[in-house]
Amino acid sequence: MRTLAFTALLLIAGALGLAGCQRTNEAEFGQQVRAYLLEHPEVLEEAIRKLDQNRAAETAAVQTKAVSQARAALERDERDFVFGNPNGAVTVVEFFDYRCGYCKAVTPEVLDMVKRDGNIRFVLKEFPILPDRDTGTVGVSERAARVALAAKAEGKYIEVHRDLMAERALDDAAIERIIEKHGMDADKIAESAAAPAIDAQLTDTHALAQAVGVNGTPTFIVGGSVIPAADLDALRAAIQKARPKAA
């Protein structure tokens, strides 16, 4: 029975045109392949690049299928805040963390783009994942997300969202200051933020993120397209692609 390594050599040799019919000795064959690769190391680079491309394509295909299957949960969860046009023809979903520097950097431009466009439903998914430096656990990010969701019931979500994103070094003191700024009762917000309904929403969002392969922030989803990181050009292209075609 051929070893796994020998099978790999056969595949490489086939690609290089070295797999002839007269081969009788695995060691000799391995030496031939080794000698060729030493003389042409660029072939290995090409093979590795091709392997990476194939793996990326396979991963993208799996993610696209997962996004398609979870589309209702991504786009139509009534617990999420929707900015822009609630009846917009294009739905954009963002997974974000209030302590994510990239999220903070793109938020003003993204919100402005959605507002100016007038035909985009922008769904905001609270996805606190960044650990606090001193404890190594997710603390401030989650507390900020809970406060934002509690503010939603007060009709002040987007204002609080903007301010939380605008804080360069978000901490508990800043969160309290934002609560006071918008005239909300701190005790009432604290009670709402700890409610089982918000526990469930955050748990569901994390499960959804795992199901569709979202593991970083910001991540935007437009239709079947997933745009990781703060690539606004890719986001604009995905929005344009998703627009209904004129008759």
C-alpha atoms as a PDB file:
ATOM      1  CA  MET A   1       0.000   0.000   0.000  1.00  0.00           C
ATOM      2  CA  ARG A   2       1.435   3.389  -0.992  1.00  0.00           C
ATOM      3  CA  THR A   3       2.139   5.844   1.788  1.00  0.00           C
ATOM      4  CA  LEU A   4       0.445   9.243   1.951  1.00  0.00           C
ATOM      5  CA  ALA A   5       3.780  10.933   1.260  1.00  0.00           C
ATOM      6  CA  PHE A   6       4.324   8.812  -1.839  1.00  0.00           C
ATOM      7  CA  THR A   7       0.834   9.618  -3.070  1.00  0.00           C
ATOM      8  CA  ALA A   8       1.648  13.305  -2.663  1.00  0.00           C
ATOM      9  CA  LEU A   9       4.835  12.800  -4.674  1.00  0.00           C
ATOM     10  CA  LEU A  10       2.790  11.145  -7.418  1.00  0.00           C
ATOM     11  CA  LEU A  11       0.486  14.160  -7.584  1.00  0.00           C
ATOM     12  CA  ILE A  12       3.416  16.562  -7.776  1.00  0.00           C
ATOM     13  CA  ALA A  13       5.212  14.397 -10.302  1.00  0.00           C
ATOM     14  CA  GLY A  14       2.110  14.157 -12.441  1.00  0.00           C
ATOM     15  CA  ALA A  15       1.899  17.912 -12.511  1.00  0.00           C
ATOM     16  CA  LEU A  16       5.574  18.095 -13.445  1.00  0.00           C
ATOM     17  CA  GLY A  17       5.386  15.404 -16.096  1.00  0.00           C
ATOM     18  CA  LEU A  18       7.675  13.017 -14.175  1.00  0.00           C
ATOM     19  CA  ALA A  19       5.213  10.207 -13.492  1.00  0.00           C
ATOM     20  CA  GLY A  20       6.263   7.678 -16.129  1.00  0.00           C
ATOM     21  CA  CYS A  21       5.280   4.048 -16.573  1.00  0.00           C
ATOM     22  CA  GLN A  22       8.710   2.540 -15.891  1.00  0.00           C
ATOM     23  CA  ARG A  23       8.912   3.563 -12.242  1.00  0.00           C
ATOM     24  CA  THR A  24       9.836   0.628  -9.970  1.00  0.00           C
ATOM     25  CA  ASN A  25      11.487   2.197  -6.921  1.00  0.00           C
ATOM     26  CA  GLU A  26       9.756   4.682  -4.637  1.00  0.00           C
ATOM     27  CA  ALA A  27      13.051   5.966  -3.260  1.00  0.00           C
ATOM     28  CA  GLU A  28      14.443   6.563  -6.738  1.00  0.00           C
ATOM     29  CA  PHE A  29      11.234   8.243  -7.797  1.00  0.00           C
ATOM     30  CA  GLY A  30      11.307  10.472  -4.718  1.00  0.00           C
ATOM     31  CA  GLN A  31      14.867  11.491  -5.494  1.00  0.00           C
ATOM     32  CA  GLN A  32      13.852  12.476  -9.031  1.00  0.00           C
ATOM     33  CA  VAL A  33      11.059  14.680  -7.758  1.00  0.00           C
ATOM     34  CA  ARG A  34      13.281  16.180  -5.072  1.00  0.00           C
ATOM     35  CA  ALA A  35      16.001  16.989  -7.570  1.00  0.00           C
ATOM     36  CA  TYR A  36      13.509  18.686  -9.876  1.00  0.00           C
ATOM     37  CA  LEU A  37      12.029  20.778  -7.054  1.00  0.00           C
ATOM     38  CA  LEU A  38      15.479  21.838  -5.864  1.00  0.00           C
ATOM     39  CA  GLU A  39      16.251  23.049  -9.378  1.00  0.00           C
ATOM     40  CA  HIS A  40      12.825  24.711  -9.743  1.00  0.00           C
ATOM     41  CA  PRO A  41      11.695  25.911  -6.266  1.00  0.00           C
ATOM     42  CA  GLU A  42       9.299  28.353  -7.888  1.00  0.00           C
ATOM     43  CA  VAL A  43       7.088  25.355  -8.684  1.00  0.00           C
ATOM     44  CA  LEU A  44       6.484  24.851  -4.958  1.00  0.00           C
ATOM     45  CA  GLU A  45       5.506  28.500  -4.560  1.00  0.00           C
ATOM     46  CA  GLU A  46       3.075  28.148  -7.433  1.00  0.00           C
ATOM     47  CA  ALA A  47       1.609  24.951  -5.976  1.00  0.00           C
ATOM     48  CA  ILE A  48       1.181  26.539  -2.532  1.00  0.00           C
ATOM     49  CA  ARG A  49      -0.436  29.634  -4.061  1.00  0.00           C
ATOM     50  CA  LYS A  50      -2.838  27.455  -6.028  1.00  0.00           C
ATOM     51  CA  LEU A  51      -3.662  25.424  -2.924  1.00  0.00           C
ATOM     52  CA  ASP A  52      -4.422  28.614  -0.985  1.00  0.00           C
ATOM     53  CA  GLN A  53      -6.661  29.833  -3.813  1.00  0.00           C
ATOM     54  CA  ASN A  54      -8.545  26.532  -3.898  1.00  0.00           C
ATOM     55  CA  ARG A  55      -9.031  26.542  -0.143  1.00  0.00           C
ATOM     56  CA  ALA A  56     -10.229  30.155  -0.187  1.00  0.00           C
ATOM     57  CA  ALA A  57     -12.731  29.334  -2.935  1.00  0.00           C
ATOM     58  CA  GLU A  58     -14.009  26.314  -1.009  1.00  0.00           C
ATOM     59  CA  THR A  59     -14.354  28.367   2.182  1.00  0.00           C
ATOM     60  CA  ALA A  60     -16.197  31.124   0.301  1.00  0.00           C
ATOM     61  CA  ALA A  61     -18.588  28.604  -1.240  1.00  0.00           C
ATOM     62  CA  VAL A  62     -19.379  27.079   2.160  1.00  0.00           C
ATOM     63  CA  GLN A  63     -19.898  30.542   3.679  1.00  0.00           C
ATOM     64  CA  THR A  64     -22.143  31.675   0.826  1.00  0.00           C
ATOM     65  CA  LYS A  65     -24.341  28.620   1.317  1.00  0.00           C
ATOM     66  CA  ALA A  66     -24.509  29.198   5.084  1.00  0.00           C
ATOM     67  CA  VAL A  67     -25.446  32.866   4.558  1.00  0.00           C
ATOM     68  CA  SER A  68     -28.192  31.880   2.141  1.00  0.00           C
ATOM     69  CA  GLN A  69     -29.647  29.393   4.621  1.00  0.00           C
ATOM     70  CA  ALA A  70     -29.543  31.946   7.461  1.00  0.00           C
ATOM     71  CA  ARG A  71     -30.799  34.919   5.480  1.00  0.00           C
ATOM     72  CA  ALA A  72     -33.990  35.417   7.472  1.00  0.00           C
ATOM     73  CA  ALA A  73     -32.094  35.455  10.780  1.00  0.00           C
ATOM     74  CA  LEU A  74     -29.515  37.817   9.330  1.00  0.00           C
ATOM     75  CA  GLU A  75     -31.891  40.305   7.761  1.00  0.00           C
ATOM     76  CA  ARG A  76     -35.266  40.008   9.489  1.00  0.00           C
ATOM     77  CA  ASP A  77     -34.683  39.573  13.203  1.00  0.00           C
ATOM     78  CA  GLU A  78     -37.099  42.112  14.681  1.00  0.00           C
ATOM     79  CA  ARG A  79     -34.867  42.545  17.730  1.00  0.00           C
ATOM     80  CA  ASP A  80     -32.140  44.216  15.643  1.00  0.00           C
ATOM     81  CA  PHE A  81     -32.103  47.947  15.019  1.00  0.00           C
ATOM     82  CA  VAL A  82     -32.640  48.908  11.379  1.00  0.00           C
ATOM     83  CA  PHE A  83     -31.183  52.188  10.157  1.00  0.00           C
ATOM     84  CA  GLY A  84     -32.001  53.858   6.858  1.00  0.00           C
ATOM     85  CA  ASN A  85     -35.034  52.814   4.856  1.00  0.00           C
ATOM     86  CA  PRO A  86     -36.931  49.961   6.582  1.00  0.00           C
ATOM     87  CA  ASN A  87     -38.404  49.083   3.181  1.00  0.00           C
ATOM     88  CA  GLY A  88     -35.169  49.515   1.244  1.00  0.00           C
ATOM     89  CA  ALA A  89     -34.501  47.300  -1.751  1.00  0.00           C
ATOM     90  CA  VAL A  90     -31.004  46.386  -0.515  1.00  0.00           C
ATOM     91  CA  THR A  91     -30.335  45.008   2.951  1.00  0.00           C
ATOM     92  CA  VAL A  92     -26.896  45.406   4.507  1.00  0.00           C
ATOM     93  CA  VAL A  93     -26.039  43.585   7.738  1.00  0.00           C
ATOM     94  CA  GLU A  94     -23.131  44.600   9.958  1.00  0.00           C
ATOM     95  CA  PHE A  95     -21.616  42.592  12.812  1.00  0.00           C
ATOM     96  CA  PHE A  96     -19.684  45.032  15.006  1.00  0.00           C
ATOM     97  CA  ASP A  97     -18.039  45.596  18.378  1.00  0.00           C
ATOM     98  CA  TYR A  98     -18.056  48.989  20.103  1.00  0.00           C
ATOM     99  CA  ARG A  99     -14.354  48.666  20.981  1.00  0.00           C
ATOM    100  CA  CYS A 100     -13.291  47.708  17.456  1.00  0.00           C
ATOM    101  CA  GLY A 101     -11.099  50.459  16.008  1.00  0.00           C
ATOM    102  CA  TYR A 102     -11.989  49.544  12.434  1.00  0.00           C
ATOM    103  CA  CYS A 103     -15.711  49.642  13.269  1.00  0.00           C
ATOM    104  CA  LYS A 104     -15.249  53.089  14.782  1.00  0.00           C
ATOM    105  CA  ALA A 105     -13.340  54.327  11.745  1.00  0.00           C
ATOM    106  CA  VAL A 106     -15.982  53.370   9.177  1.00  0.00           C
ATOM    107  CA  THR A 107     -19.185  54.021  11.151  1.00  0.00           C
ATOM    108  CA  PRO A 108     -19.652  57.727  10.256  1.00  0.00           C
ATOM    109  CA  GLU A 109     -19.095  57.123   6.543  1.00  0.00           C
ATOM    110  CA  VAL A 110     -21.283  54.005   6.428  1.00  0.00           C
ATOM    111  CA  LEU A 111     -24.191  55.658   8.245  1.00  0.00           C
ATOM    112  CA  ASP A 112     -23.899  58.720   6.039  1.00  0.00           C
ATOM    113  CA  MET A 113     -23.849  56.552   2.919  1.00  0.00           C
ATOM    114  CA  VAL A 114     -26.972  54.676   4.032  1.00  0.00           C
ATOM    115  CA  LYS A 115     -28.797  57.906   4.841  1.00  0.00           C
ATOM    116  CA  ARG A 116     -27.887  59.574   1.533  1.00  0.00           C
ATOM    117  CA  ASP A 117     -28.767  56.503  -0.529  1.00  0.00           C
ATOM    118  CA  GLY A 118     -32.337  56.297   0.755  1.00  0.00           C
ATOM    119  CA  ASN A 119     -32.924  52.726  -0.434  1.00  0.00           C
ATOM    120  CA  ILE A 120     -30.840  50.646   1.989  1.00  0.00           C
ATOM    121  CA  ARG A 121     -32.006  48.699   5.067  1.00  0.00           C
ATOM    122  CA  PHE A 122     -29.010  48.700   7.391  1.00  0.00           C
ATOM    123  CA  VAL A 123     -29.273  45.974  10.051  1.00  0.00           C
ATOM    124  CA  LEU A 124     -27.009  46.381  13.076  1.00  0.00           C
ATOM    125  CA  LYS A 125     -25.892  43.176  14.822  1.00  0.00           C
ATOM    126  CA  GLU A 126     -24.418  43.654  18.286  1.00  0.00           C
ATOM    127  CA  PHE A 127     -21.435  41.284  18.317  1.00  0.00           C
ATOM    128  CA  PRO A 128     -19.204  42.005  21.350  1.00  0.00           C
ATOM    129  CA  ILE A 129     -16.079  39.850  21.052  1.00  0.00           C
ATOM    130  CA  LEU A 130     -13.094  41.968  22.096  1.00  0.00           C
ATOM    131  CA  PRO A 131     -11.680  41.088  25.528  1.00  0.00           C
ATOM    132  CA  ASP A 132     -10.667  43.690  28.070  1.00  0.00           C
ATOM    133  CA  ARG A 133      -6.912  44.051  28.391  1.00  0.00           C
ATOM    134  CA  ASP A 134      -6.843  43.630  32.176  1.00  0.00           C
ATOM    135  CA  THR A 135      -9.151  40.605  32.494  1.00  0.00           C
ATOM    136  CA  GLY A 136      -8.909  38.851  29.135  1.00  0.00           C
ATOM    137  CA  THR A 137     -12.699  38.496  29.081  1.00  0.00           C
ATOM    138  CA  VAL A 138     -15.307  40.394  27.094  1.00  0.00           C
ATOM    139  CA  GLY A 139     -16.525  43.059  29.489  1.00  0.00           C
ATOM    140  CA  VAL A 140     -16.781  46.645  28.265  1.00  0.00           C
ATOM    141  CA  SER A 141     -17.772  45.583  24.735  1.00  0.00           C
ATOM    142  CA  GLU A 142     -20.675  43.529  26.035  1.00  0.00           C
ATOM    143  CA  ARG A 143     -21.800  46.161  28.537  1.00  0.00           C
ATOM    144  CA  ALA A 144     -21.847  48.740  25.745  1.00  0.00           C
ATOM    145  CA  ALA A 145     -23.887  46.411  23.519  1.00  0.00           C
ATOM    146  CA  ARG A 146     -26.376  45.824  26.312  1.00  0.00           C
ATOM    147  CA  VAL A 147     -26.766  49.557  26.935  1.00  0.00           C
ATOM    148  CA  ALA A 148     -27.346  50.183  23.222  1.00  0.00           C
ATOM    149  CA  LEU A 149     -30.044  47.506  23.109  1.00  0.00           C
ATOM    150  CA  ALA A 150     -31.639  48.926  26.252  1.00  0.00           C
ATOM    151  CA  ALA A 151     -31.582  52.382  24.626  1.00  0.00           C
ATOM    152  CA  LYS A 152     -33.474  50.921  21.661  1.00  0.00           C
ATOM    153  CA  ALA A 153     -36.512  50.512  23.908  1.00  0.00           C
ATOM    154  CA  GLU A 154     -36.164  54.199  24.809  1.00  0.00           C
ATOM    155  CA  GLY A 155     -36.124  55.217  21.150  1.00  0.00           C
ATOM    156  CA  LYS A 156     -32.510  56.391  21.381  1.00  0.00           C
ATOM    157  CA  TYR A 157     -30.546  53.534  19.858  1.00  0.00           C
ATOM    158  CA  ILE A 158     -28.890  55.296  16.930  1.00  0.00           C
ATOM    159  CA  GLU A 159     -27.842  58.296  19.027  1.00  0.00           C
ATOM    160  CA  VAL A 160     -26.263  56.023  21.635  1.00  0.00           C
ATOM    161  CA  HIS A 161     -24.728  53.869  18.911  1.00  0.00           C
ATOM    162  CA  ARG A 162     -23.033  56.869  17.320  1.00  0.00           C
ATOM    163  CA  ASP A 163     -21.671  58.089  20.638  1.00  0.00           C
ATOM    164  CA  LEU A 164     -20.383  54.684  21.712  1.00  0.00           C
ATOM    165  CA  MET A 165     -18.590  54.379  18.382  1.00  0.00           C
ATOM    166  CA  ALA A 166     -17.173  57.889  18.705  1.00  0.00           C
ATOM    167  CA  GLU A 167     -15.458  57.087  22.014  1.00  0.00           C
ATOM    168  CA  ARG A 168     -11.835  56.396  21.148  1.00  0.00           C
ATOM    169  CA  ALA A 169     -11.055  54.443  24.310  1.00  0.00           C
ATOM    170  CA  LEU A 170     -14.436  53.158  25.427  1.00  0.00           C
ATOM    171  CA  ASP A 171     -14.742  52.298  29.112  1.00  0.00           C
ATOM    172  CA  ASP A 172     -17.466  52.081  31.740  1.00  0.00           C
ATOM    173  CA  ALA A 173     -17.143  55.757  32.627  1.00  0.00           C
ATOM    174  CA  ALA A 174     -17.771  56.714  28.998  1.00  0.00           C
ATOM    175  CA  ILE A 175     -20.786  54.416  28.823  1.00  0.00           C
ATOM    176  CA  GLU A 176     -22.279  56.070  31.927  1.00  0.00           C
ATOM    177  CA  ARG A 177     -21.581  59.506  30.497  1.00  0.00           C
ATOM    178  CA  ILE A 178     -23.416  58.625  27.275  1.00  0.00           C
ATOM    179  CA  ILE A 179     -26.413  57.325  29.231  1.00  0.00           C
ATOM    180  CA  GLU A 180     -26.606  60.632  31.094  1.00  0.00           C
ATOM    181  CA  LYS A 181     -26.069  62.673  27.928  1.00  0.00           C
ATOM    182  CA  HIS A 182     -29.224  61.235  26.374  1.00  0.00           C
ATOM    183  CA  GLY A 183     -31.332  61.786  29.474  1.00  0.00           C
ATOM    184  CA  MET A 184     -31.902  58.134  30.253  1.00  0.00           C
ATOM    185  CA  ASP A 185     -32.375  56.806  33.761  1.00  0.00           C
ATOM    186  CA  ALA A 186     -29.227  54.878  34.680  1.00  0.00           C
ATOM    187  CA  ASP A 187     -31.031  52.405  36.957  1.00  0.00           C
ATOM    188  CA  LYS A 188     -33.699  51.677  34.375  1.00  0.00           C
ATOM    189  CA  ILE A 189     -31.096  51.172  31.642  1.00  0.00           C
ATOM    190  CA  ALA A 190     -29.069  48.872  33.904  1.00  0.00           C
ATOM    191  CA  GLU A 191     -32.175  46.787  34.620  1.00  0.00           C
ATOM    192  CA  SER A 192     -33.128  46.586  30.944  1.00  0.00           C
ATOM    193  CA  ALA A 193     -29.547  45.779  29.915  1.00  0.00           C
ATOM    194  CA  ALA A 194     -29.503  42.752  32.231  1.00  0.00           C
ATOM    195  CA  ALA A 195     -32.848  41.399  31.004  1.00  0.00           C
ATOM    196  CA  PRO A 196     -33.083  37.777  29.812  1.00  0.00           C
ATOM    197  CA  ALA A 197     -34.307  39.032  26.429  1.00  0.00           C
ATOM    198  CA  ILE A 198     -30.985  40.787  25.814  1.00  0.00           C
ATOM    199  CA  ASP A 199     -29.099  37.714  27.063  1.00  0.00           C
ATOM    200  CA  ALA A 200     -30.948  35.680  24.453  1.00  0.00           C
ATOM    201  CA  GLN A 201     -30.366  38.220  21.670  1.00  0.00           C
ATOM    202  CA  LEU A 202     -26.609  38.349  22.228  1.00  0.00           C
ATOM    203  CA  THR A 203     -26.413  34.558  22.488  1.00  0.00           C
ATOM    204  CA  ASP A 204     -28.387  34.161  19.272  1.00  0.00           C
ATOM    205  CA  THR A 205     -26.187  36.676  17.452  1.00  0.00           C
ATOM    206  CA  HIS A 206     -23.018  34.851  18.471  1.00  0.00           C
ATOM    207  CA  ALA A 207     -24.509  31.535  17.347  1.00  0.00           C
ATOM    208  CA  LEU A 208     -25.559  33.093  14.049  1.00  0.00           C
ATOM    209  CA  ALA A 209     -22.085  34.539  13.509  1.00  0.00           C
ATOM    210  CA  GLN A 210     -20.547  31.126  14.073  1.00  0.00           C
ATOM    211  CA  ALA A 211     -23.040  29.493  11.694  1.00  0.00           C
ATOM    212  CA  VAL A 212     -22.182  31.868   8.833  1.00  0.00           C
ATOM    213  CA  GLY A 213     -18.448  32.029   9.497  1.00  0.00           C
ATOM    214  CA  VAL A 214     -18.215  35.545  10.926  1.00  0.00           C
ATOM    215  CA  ASN A 215     -15.290  35.718  13.347  1.00  0.00           C
ATOM    216  CA  GLY A 216     -14.208  39.354  13.242  1.00  0.00           C
ATOM    217  CA  THR A 217     -15.487  42.898  13.177  1.00  0.00           C
ATOM    218  CA  PRO A 218     -16.608  44.695  11.234  1.00  0.00           C
ATOM    219  CA  THR A 219     -18.162  42.140   8.903  1.00  0.00           C
ATOM    220  CA  PHE A 220     -20.755  43.265   6.368  1.00  0.00           C
ATOM    221  CA  ILE A 221     -23.167  40.935   4.587  1.00  0.00           C
ATOM    222  CA  VAL A 222     -25.054  42.017   1.459  1.00  0.00           C
ATOM    223  CA  GLY A 223     -27.181  39.298  -0.069  1.00  0.00           C
ATOM    224  CA  GLY A 224     -24.769  36.397  -0.481  1.00  0.00           C
ATOM    225  CA  SER A 225     -21.655  38.557  -0.297  1.00  0.00           C
ATOM    226  CA  VAL A 226     -19.563  38.660   2.877  1.00  0.00           C
ATOM    227  CA  ILE A 227     -17.190  41.600   3.267  1.00  0.00           C
ATOM    228  CA  PRO A 228     -14.761  41.119   6.142  1.00  0.00           C
ATOM    229  CA  ALA A 229     -12.899  44.093   7.613  1.00  0.00           C
ATOM    230  CA  ALA A 230     -13.433  47.760   6.757  1.00  0.00           C
ATOM    231  CA  ASP A 231     -13.348  47.465   2.962  1.00  0.00           C
ATOM    232  CA  LEU A 232     -15.786  50.191   1.968  1.00  0.00           C
ATOM    233  CA  ASP A 233     -15.038  49.852  -1.743  1.00  0.00           C
ATOM    234  CA  ALA A 234     -16.034  46.181  -1.582  1.00  0.00           C
ATOM    235  CA  LEU A 235     -19.133  47.128   0.414  1.00  0.00           C
ATOM    236  CA  ARG A 236     -20.205  49.695  -2.185  1.00  0.00           C
ATOM    237  CA  ALA A 237     -19.629  47.171  -4.973  1.00  0.00           C
ATOM    238  CA  ALA A 238     -21.716  44.553  -3.181  1.00  0.00           C
ATOM    239  CA  ILE A 239     -24.545  47.047  -2.652  1.00  0.00           C
ATOM    240  CA  GLN A 240     -24.500  48.012  -6.317  1.00  0.00           C
ATOM    241  CA  LYS A 241     -24.530  44.353  -7.338  1.00  0.00           C
ATOM    242  CA  ALA A 242     -27.506  43.655  -5.055  1.00  0.00           C
ATOM    243  CA  ARG A 243     -29.648  46.485  -6.411  1.00  0.00           C
ATOM    244  CA  PRO A 244     -32.700  45.321  -8.378  1.00  0.00           C
ATOM    245  CA  LYS A 245     -31.986  45.600 -12.082  1.00  0.00           C
ATOM    246  CA  ALA A 246     -34.082  48.138 -13.950  1.00  0.00           C
ATOM    247  CA  ALA A 247     -36.477  46.630 -16.445  1.00  0.00           C
END
